[in-house]
């Protein structure tokens, strides 16, 4: 759909000459290469010491995504920038499953069948990527829906409401995760709602 709607119809949907005058081929290459670059940076981040520091990892990851969001709004039309941001997160989610989660599970099953000791690092890696995918889900859904509301991507600085919506949606997901674990937090849900209301205020 990204190819059909945006890359094959670049003049109408992908690019805006007042943002950056690029051809369909240039736009497509920029988009696809950004997904590859995003995965490489994210994967290296997951393999760094920050993976053992959840708050620092989350902040670094958020800033990385914000950088891509800013880049997309400086290259593509605002609507296309939002879709590319979602496609980037979707790429990370699929790559997590394909390159980390499934291979780890296969290796653990093989070790169990052969009666060999399990490598705990495989479980830790798989768990971390699964948790990341869990937090990605609501931002992806919210941003996809936001594409039907031009007030979001029609903002003078479209990357700003995009990141506010993403952070608020991730906050809602965090609250749901805490609730699932029977843990209470007095500030997560109100803070997330305030962020989403701030996005509504920004785009009013």
C-alpha atoms as a PDB file:
ATOM      1  CA  UNK A   1       0.000   0.000   0.000  1.00  0.00           C
ATOM      2  CA  UNK A   2       2.899   2.348   0.695  1.00  0.00           C
ATOM      3  CA  UNK A   3       4.143   1.752  -2.852  1.00  0.00           C
ATOM      4  CA  UNK A   4       0.700   1.932  -4.486  1.00  0.00           C
ATOM      5  CA  UNK A   5      -0.585   5.025  -2.699  1.00  0.00           C
ATOM      6  CA  UNK A   6       2.612   7.033  -2.265  1.00  0.00           C
ATOM      7  CA  UNK A   7       5.506   5.835  -4.415  1.00  0.00           C
ATOM      8  CA  UNK A   8       3.456   5.139  -7.560  1.00  0.00           C
ATOM      9  CA  UNK A   9       1.555   8.398  -7.100  1.00  0.00           C
ATOM     10  CA  UNK A  10       4.400  10.534  -5.795  1.00  0.00           C
ATOM     11  CA  UNK A  11       3.399  13.836  -7.401  1.00  0.00           C
ATOM     12  CA  UNK A  12       0.003  13.786  -5.715  1.00  0.00           C
ATOM     13  CA  UNK A  13       0.684  12.079  -2.379  1.00  0.00           C
ATOM     14  CA  UNK A  14       4.374  11.736  -1.533  1.00  0.00           C
ATOM     15  CA  UNK A  15       6.153  14.996  -2.185  1.00  0.00           C
ATOM     16  CA  UNK A  16       5.445  18.706  -1.916  1.00  0.00           C
ATOM     17  CA  UNK A  17       7.608  21.101  -3.847  1.00  0.00           C
ATOM     18  CA  UNK A  18       7.486  23.675  -1.049  1.00  0.00           C
ATOM     19  CA  UNK A  19       8.932  21.014   1.311  1.00  0.00           C
ATOM     20  CA  UNK A  20      11.459  19.274  -0.941  1.00  0.00           C
ATOM     21  CA  UNK A  21      11.311  18.868  -4.702  1.00  0.00           C
ATOM     22  CA  UNK A  22      12.135  15.174  -5.243  1.00  0.00           C
ATOM     23  CA  UNK A  23      11.211  12.575  -7.829  1.00  0.00           C
ATOM     24  CA  UNK A  24       9.185   9.427  -7.137  1.00  0.00           C
ATOM     25  CA  UNK A  25      12.371   7.338  -7.328  1.00  0.00           C
ATOM     26  CA  UNK A  26      14.224   9.601  -4.904  1.00  0.00           C
ATOM     27  CA  UNK A  27      11.289   9.580  -2.497  1.00  0.00           C
ATOM     28  CA  UNK A  28      10.986   5.806  -2.619  1.00  0.00           C
ATOM     29  CA  UNK A  29      14.694   5.300  -2.038  1.00  0.00           C
ATOM     30  CA  UNK A  30      14.695   7.753   0.855  1.00  0.00           C
ATOM     31  CA  UNK A  31      11.712   6.039   2.443  1.00  0.00           C
ATOM     32  CA  UNK A  32      12.997   2.487   2.122  1.00  0.00           C
ATOM     33  CA  UNK A  33      16.549   3.359   3.144  1.00  0.00           C
ATOM     34  CA  UNK A  34      15.187   5.128   6.232  1.00  0.00           C
ATOM     35  CA  UNK A  35      13.493   1.891   7.321  1.00  0.00           C
ATOM     36  CA  UNK A  36      16.773  -0.002   6.970  1.00  0.00           C
ATOM     37  CA  UNK A  37      18.691   2.723   8.797  1.00  0.00           C
ATOM     38  CA  UNK A  38      16.058   2.810  11.523  1.00  0.00           C
ATOM     39  CA  UNK A  39      16.326  -0.924  12.107  1.00  0.00           C
ATOM     40  CA  UNK A  40      20.138  -0.832  12.232  1.00  0.00           C
ATOM     41  CA  UNK A  41      20.152   2.021  14.762  1.00  0.00           C
ATOM     42  CA  UNK A  42      17.430   0.439  16.886  1.00  0.00           C
ATOM     43  CA  UNK A  43      19.075  -2.992  16.800  1.00  0.00           C
ATOM     44  CA  UNK A  44      22.407  -1.527  17.901  1.00  0.00           C
ATOM     45  CA  UNK A  45      20.633   0.373  20.650  1.00  0.00           C
ATOM     46  CA  UNK A  46      19.107  -2.903  21.857  1.00  0.00           C
ATOM     47  CA  UNK A  47      22.560  -4.484  21.947  1.00  0.00           C
ATOM     48  CA  UNK A  48      24.092  -1.588  23.882  1.00  0.00           C
ATOM     49  CA  UNK A  49      24.398  -1.177  27.661  1.00  0.00           C
ATOM     50  CA  UNK A  50      21.238   0.978  27.610  1.00  0.00           C
ATOM     51  CA  UNK A  51      19.080  -2.139  27.273  1.00  0.00           C
ATOM     52  CA  UNK A  52      19.761  -2.734  30.987  1.00  0.00           C
ATOM     53  CA  UNK A  53      18.538   0.778  31.846  1.00  0.00           C
ATOM     54  CA  UNK A  54      14.871   0.936  30.786  1.00  0.00           C
ATOM     55  CA  UNK A  55      14.306   4.654  31.378  1.00  0.00           C
ATOM     56  CA  UNK A  56      17.471   5.735  29.535  1.00  0.00           C
ATOM     57  CA  UNK A  57      16.690   3.272  26.738  1.00  0.00           C
ATOM     58  CA  UNK A  58      13.115   4.576  26.389  1.00  0.00           C
ATOM     59  CA  UNK A  59      14.280   8.206  26.310  1.00  0.00           C
ATOM     60  CA  UNK A  60      16.986   7.456  23.729  1.00  0.00           C
ATOM     61  CA  UNK A  61      14.549   5.458  21.605  1.00  0.00           C
ATOM     62  CA  UNK A  62      11.974   8.248  21.763  1.00  0.00           C
ATOM     63  CA  UNK A  63      14.542  10.830  20.679  1.00  0.00           C
ATOM     64  CA  UNK A  64      15.608   8.539  17.833  1.00  0.00           C
ATOM     65  CA  UNK A  65      12.009   8.237  16.636  1.00  0.00           C
ATOM     66  CA  UNK A  66      11.541  11.996  16.997  1.00  0.00           C
ATOM     67  CA  UNK A  67      14.571  12.483  14.771  1.00  0.00           C
ATOM     68  CA  UNK A  68      13.033  10.297  12.088  1.00  0.00           C
ATOM     69  CA  UNK A  69       9.686  12.102  12.448  1.00  0.00           C
ATOM     70  CA  UNK A  70      11.415  15.465  11.964  1.00  0.00           C
ATOM     71  CA  UNK A  71      13.342  14.095   8.976  1.00  0.00           C
ATOM     72  CA  UNK A  72      10.189  12.767   7.310  1.00  0.00           C
ATOM     73  CA  UNK A  73       8.388  16.104   7.635  1.00  0.00           C
ATOM     74  CA  UNK A  74      11.359  17.824   6.005  1.00  0.00           C
ATOM     75  CA  UNK A  75      11.397  15.411   3.059  1.00  0.00           C
ATOM     76  CA  UNK A  76       7.801  14.333   2.335  1.00  0.00           C
ATOM     77  CA  UNK A  77       4.354  15.839   2.477  1.00  0.00           C
ATOM     78  CA  UNK A  78       3.021  15.862   6.047  1.00  0.00           C
ATOM     79  CA  UNK A  79       0.540  13.060   5.367  1.00  0.00           C
ATOM     80  CA  UNK A  80       3.236  10.914   3.768  1.00  0.00           C
ATOM     81  CA  UNK A  81       5.563  11.715   6.676  1.00  0.00           C
ATOM     82  CA  UNK A  82       3.041  10.298   9.151  1.00  0.00           C
ATOM     83  CA  UNK A  83       2.618   7.106   7.135  1.00  0.00           C
ATOM     84  CA  UNK A  84       6.384   6.680   6.831  1.00  0.00           C
ATOM     85  CA  UNK A  85       6.725   7.105  10.590  1.00  0.00           C
ATOM     86  CA  UNK A  86       4.173   4.341  11.113  1.00  0.00           C
ATOM     87  CA  UNK A  87       5.861   2.191   8.478  1.00  0.00           C
ATOM     88  CA  UNK A  88       9.188   2.652  10.283  1.00  0.00           C
ATOM     89  CA  UNK A  89       7.728   1.433  13.588  1.00  0.00           C
ATOM     90  CA  UNK A  90       5.999  -1.421  11.765  1.00  0.00           C
ATOM     91  CA  UNK A  91       9.338  -2.384  10.217  1.00  0.00           C
ATOM     92  CA  UNK A  92      10.938  -2.501  13.667  1.00  0.00           C
ATOM     93  CA  UNK A  93       8.107  -4.696  14.965  1.00  0.00           C
ATOM     94  CA  UNK A  94       8.284  -7.170  12.087  1.00  0.00           C
ATOM     95  CA  UNK A  95      12.087  -7.279  12.174  1.00  0.00           C
ATOM     96  CA  UNK A  96      11.981  -7.943  15.919  1.00  0.00           C
ATOM     97  CA  UNK A  97       9.817 -10.994  15.305  1.00  0.00           C
ATOM     98  CA  UNK A  98      11.712 -12.227  12.243  1.00  0.00           C
ATOM     99  CA  UNK A  99      15.295 -11.647  13.353  1.00  0.00           C
ATOM    100  CA  UNK A 100      15.138 -12.000  17.142  1.00  0.00           C
ATOM    101  CA  UNK A 101      11.968 -13.452  18.662  1.00  0.00           C
ATOM    102  CA  UNK A 102      11.380 -16.423  16.341  1.00  0.00           C
ATOM    103  CA  UNK A 103      15.082 -17.456  16.085  1.00  0.00           C
ATOM    104  CA  UNK A 104      15.380 -17.263  19.896  1.00  0.00           C
ATOM    105  CA  UNK A 105      12.311 -19.425  20.365  1.00  0.00           C
ATOM    106  CA  UNK A 106      13.575 -21.986  17.846  1.00  0.00           C
ATOM    107  CA  UNK A 107      16.965 -22.122  19.563  1.00  0.00           C
ATOM    108  CA  UNK A 108      15.351 -22.637  22.971  1.00  0.00           C
ATOM    109  CA  UNK A 109      13.035 -25.365  21.660  1.00  0.00           C
ATOM    110  CA  UNK A 110      15.986 -27.108  19.998  1.00  0.00           C
ATOM    111  CA  UNK A 111      18.016 -26.963  23.227  1.00  0.00           C
ATOM    112  CA  UNK A 112      15.083 -28.397  25.191  1.00  0.00           C
ATOM    113  CA  UNK A 113      14.622 -31.261  22.720  1.00  0.00           C
ATOM    114  CA  UNK A 114      18.311 -32.083  22.786  1.00  0.00           C
ATOM    115  CA  UNK A 115      18.482 -31.847  26.583  1.00  0.00           C
ATOM    116  CA  UNK A 116      21.049 -29.066  26.456  1.00  0.00           C
ATOM    117  CA  UNK A 117      21.103 -26.140  28.920  1.00  0.00           C
ATOM    118  CA  UNK A 118      19.117 -23.126  27.786  1.00  0.00           C
ATOM    119  CA  UNK A 119      20.919 -19.906  27.007  1.00  0.00           C
ATOM    120  CA  UNK A 120      19.226 -17.277  29.243  1.00  0.00           C
ATOM    121  CA  UNK A 121      20.383 -14.443  26.976  1.00  0.00           C
ATOM    122  CA  UNK A 122      18.057 -15.744  24.232  1.00  0.00           C
ATOM    123  CA  UNK A 123      15.085 -15.428  26.554  1.00  0.00           C
ATOM    124  CA  UNK A 124      16.138 -11.957  27.674  1.00  0.00           C
ATOM    125  CA  UNK A 125      16.570 -10.710  24.104  1.00  0.00           C
ATOM    126  CA  UNK A 126      13.254 -12.167  23.003  1.00  0.00           C
ATOM    127  CA  UNK A 127      11.455 -10.726  26.025  1.00  0.00           C
ATOM    128  CA  UNK A 128      12.905  -7.246  25.505  1.00  0.00           C
ATOM    129  CA  UNK A 129      11.883  -7.128  21.832  1.00  0.00           C
ATOM    130  CA  UNK A 130       8.407  -8.448  22.688  1.00  0.00           C
ATOM    131  CA  UNK A 131       7.994  -5.684  25.262  1.00  0.00           C
ATOM    132  CA  UNK A 132       9.062  -3.078  22.709  1.00  0.00           C
ATOM    133  CA  UNK A 133       6.546  -4.409  20.198  1.00  0.00           C
ATOM    134  CA  UNK A 134       3.891  -4.257  22.904  1.00  0.00           C
ATOM    135  CA  UNK A 135       4.547  -0.553  23.464  1.00  0.00           C
ATOM    136  CA  UNK A 136       4.642   0.162  19.729  1.00  0.00           C
ATOM    137  CA  UNK A 137       1.099  -1.096  19.086  1.00  0.00           C
ATOM    138  CA  UNK A 138      -1.021   1.825  20.321  1.00  0.00           C
ATOM    139  CA  UNK A 139       1.178   4.573  18.828  1.00  0.00           C
ATOM    140  CA  UNK A 140       0.934   2.793  15.476  1.00  0.00           C
ATOM    141  CA  UNK A 141      -2.860   2.573  15.688  1.00  0.00           C
ATOM    142  CA  UNK A 142      -3.293   6.162  16.861  1.00  0.00           C
ATOM    143  CA  UNK A 143      -1.023   7.606  14.180  1.00  0.00           C
ATOM    144  CA  UNK A 144      -2.712   5.554  11.457  1.00  0.00           C
ATOM    145  CA  UNK A 145      -6.083   6.923  12.561  1.00  0.00           C
ATOM    146  CA  UNK A 146      -4.679  10.449  12.753  1.00  0.00           C
ATOM    147  CA  UNK A 147      -4.087  10.320   9.004  1.00  0.00           C
ATOM    148  CA  UNK A 148      -7.855  10.705   8.576  1.00  0.00           C
ATOM    149  CA  UNK A 149      -7.774  13.975  10.545  1.00  0.00           C
ATOM    150  CA  UNK A 150      -5.923  16.678   8.575  1.00  0.00           C
ATOM    151  CA  UNK A 151      -5.683  18.872  11.665  1.00  0.00           C
ATOM    152  CA  UNK A 152      -2.881  16.602  12.920  1.00  0.00           C
ATOM    153  CA  UNK A 153      -0.603  16.492   9.903  1.00  0.00           C
ATOM    154  CA  UNK A 154      -1.786  19.943   8.840  1.00  0.00           C
ATOM    155  CA  UNK A 155      -0.039  21.559  11.811  1.00  0.00           C
ATOM    156  CA  UNK A 156       2.724  24.083  11.074  1.00  0.00           C
ATOM    157  CA  UNK A 157       5.180  21.678  12.712  1.00  0.00           C
ATOM    158  CA  UNK A 158       3.587  18.284  11.953  1.00  0.00           C
ATOM    159  CA  UNK A 159       6.305  16.262  13.704  1.00  0.00           C
ATOM    160  CA  UNK A 160       5.328  17.819  17.056  1.00  0.00           C
ATOM    161  CA  UNK A 161       1.726  16.527  17.346  1.00  0.00           C
ATOM    162  CA  UNK A 162       2.955  13.248  15.848  1.00  0.00           C
ATOM    163  CA  UNK A 163       5.370  12.718  18.728  1.00  0.00           C
ATOM    164  CA  UNK A 164       2.928  13.990  21.361  1.00  0.00           C
ATOM    165  CA  UNK A 165       0.301  11.511  20.120  1.00  0.00           C
ATOM    166  CA  UNK A 166       2.881   8.706  20.044  1.00  0.00           C
ATOM    167  CA  UNK A 167       4.087   9.425  23.578  1.00  0.00           C
ATOM    168  CA  UNK A 168       0.548   9.710  24.928  1.00  0.00           C
ATOM    169  CA  UNK A 169      -0.483   6.454  23.256  1.00  0.00           C
ATOM    170  CA  UNK A 170       2.591   4.660  24.622  1.00  0.00           C
ATOM    171  CA  UNK A 171       1.664   6.008  28.047  1.00  0.00           C
ATOM    172  CA  UNK A 172      -1.820   4.515  27.778  1.00  0.00           C
ATOM    173  CA  UNK A 173      -0.220   1.196  26.830  1.00  0.00           C
ATOM    174  CA  UNK A 174       2.075   1.454  29.858  1.00  0.00           C
ATOM    175  CA  UNK A 175      -0.931   1.961  32.121  1.00  0.00           C
ATOM    176  CA  UNK A 176      -2.638  -1.097  30.602  1.00  0.00           C
ATOM    177  CA  UNK A 177       0.521  -3.142  31.173  1.00  0.00           C
ATOM    178  CA  UNK A 178       0.706  -2.030  34.796  1.00  0.00           C
ATOM    179  CA  UNK A 179      -2.963  -2.890  35.281  1.00  0.00           C
ATOM    180  CA  UNK A 180      -2.351  -6.341  33.786  1.00  0.00           C
ATOM    181  CA  UNK A 181       0.387  -6.897  36.369  1.00  0.00           C
ATOM    182  CA  UNK A 182      -1.924  -5.710  39.198  1.00  0.00           C
ATOM    183  CA  UNK A 183       0.251  -2.664  39.763  1.00  0.00           C
ATOM    184  CA  UNK A 184      -1.131   0.795  40.470  1.00  0.00           C
ATOM    185  CA  UNK A 185       0.098   4.142  39.177  1.00  0.00           C
ATOM    186  CA  UNK A 186      -1.604   7.411  39.988  1.00  0.00           C
ATOM    187  CA  UNK A 187       0.064   9.502  37.294  1.00  0.00           C
ATOM    188  CA  UNK A 188       0.509   7.373  34.146  1.00  0.00           C
ATOM    189  CA  UNK A 189      -3.052   7.504  32.818  1.00  0.00           C
ATOM    190  CA  UNK A 190      -3.751  11.169  33.733  1.00  0.00           C
ATOM    191  CA  UNK A 191      -0.396  12.154  32.250  1.00  0.00           C
ATOM    192  CA  UNK A 192      -1.116  10.232  29.049  1.00  0.00           C
ATOM    193  CA  UNK A 193      -4.590  11.753  28.733  1.00  0.00           C
ATOM    194  CA  UNK A 194      -3.122  15.228  29.237  1.00  0.00           C
ATOM    195  CA  UNK A 195      -0.610  14.568  26.461  1.00  0.00           C
ATOM    196  CA  UNK A 196      -3.365  13.454  24.080  1.00  0.00           C
ATOM    197  CA  UNK A 197      -5.430  16.513  25.033  1.00  0.00           C
ATOM    198  CA  UNK A 198      -2.331  18.633  24.387  1.00  0.00           C
ATOM    199  CA  UNK A 199      -2.185  17.125  20.893  1.00  0.00           C
ATOM    200  CA  UNK A 200      -5.834  18.107  20.390  1.00  0.00           C
ATOM    201  CA  UNK A 201      -5.038  21.634  21.617  1.00  0.00           C
ATOM    202  CA  UNK A 202      -1.982  21.896  19.337  1.00  0.00           C
ATOM    203  CA  UNK A 203      -4.004  20.887  16.291  1.00  0.00           C
ATOM    204  CA  UNK A 204      -7.186  22.838  17.098  1.00  0.00           C
END
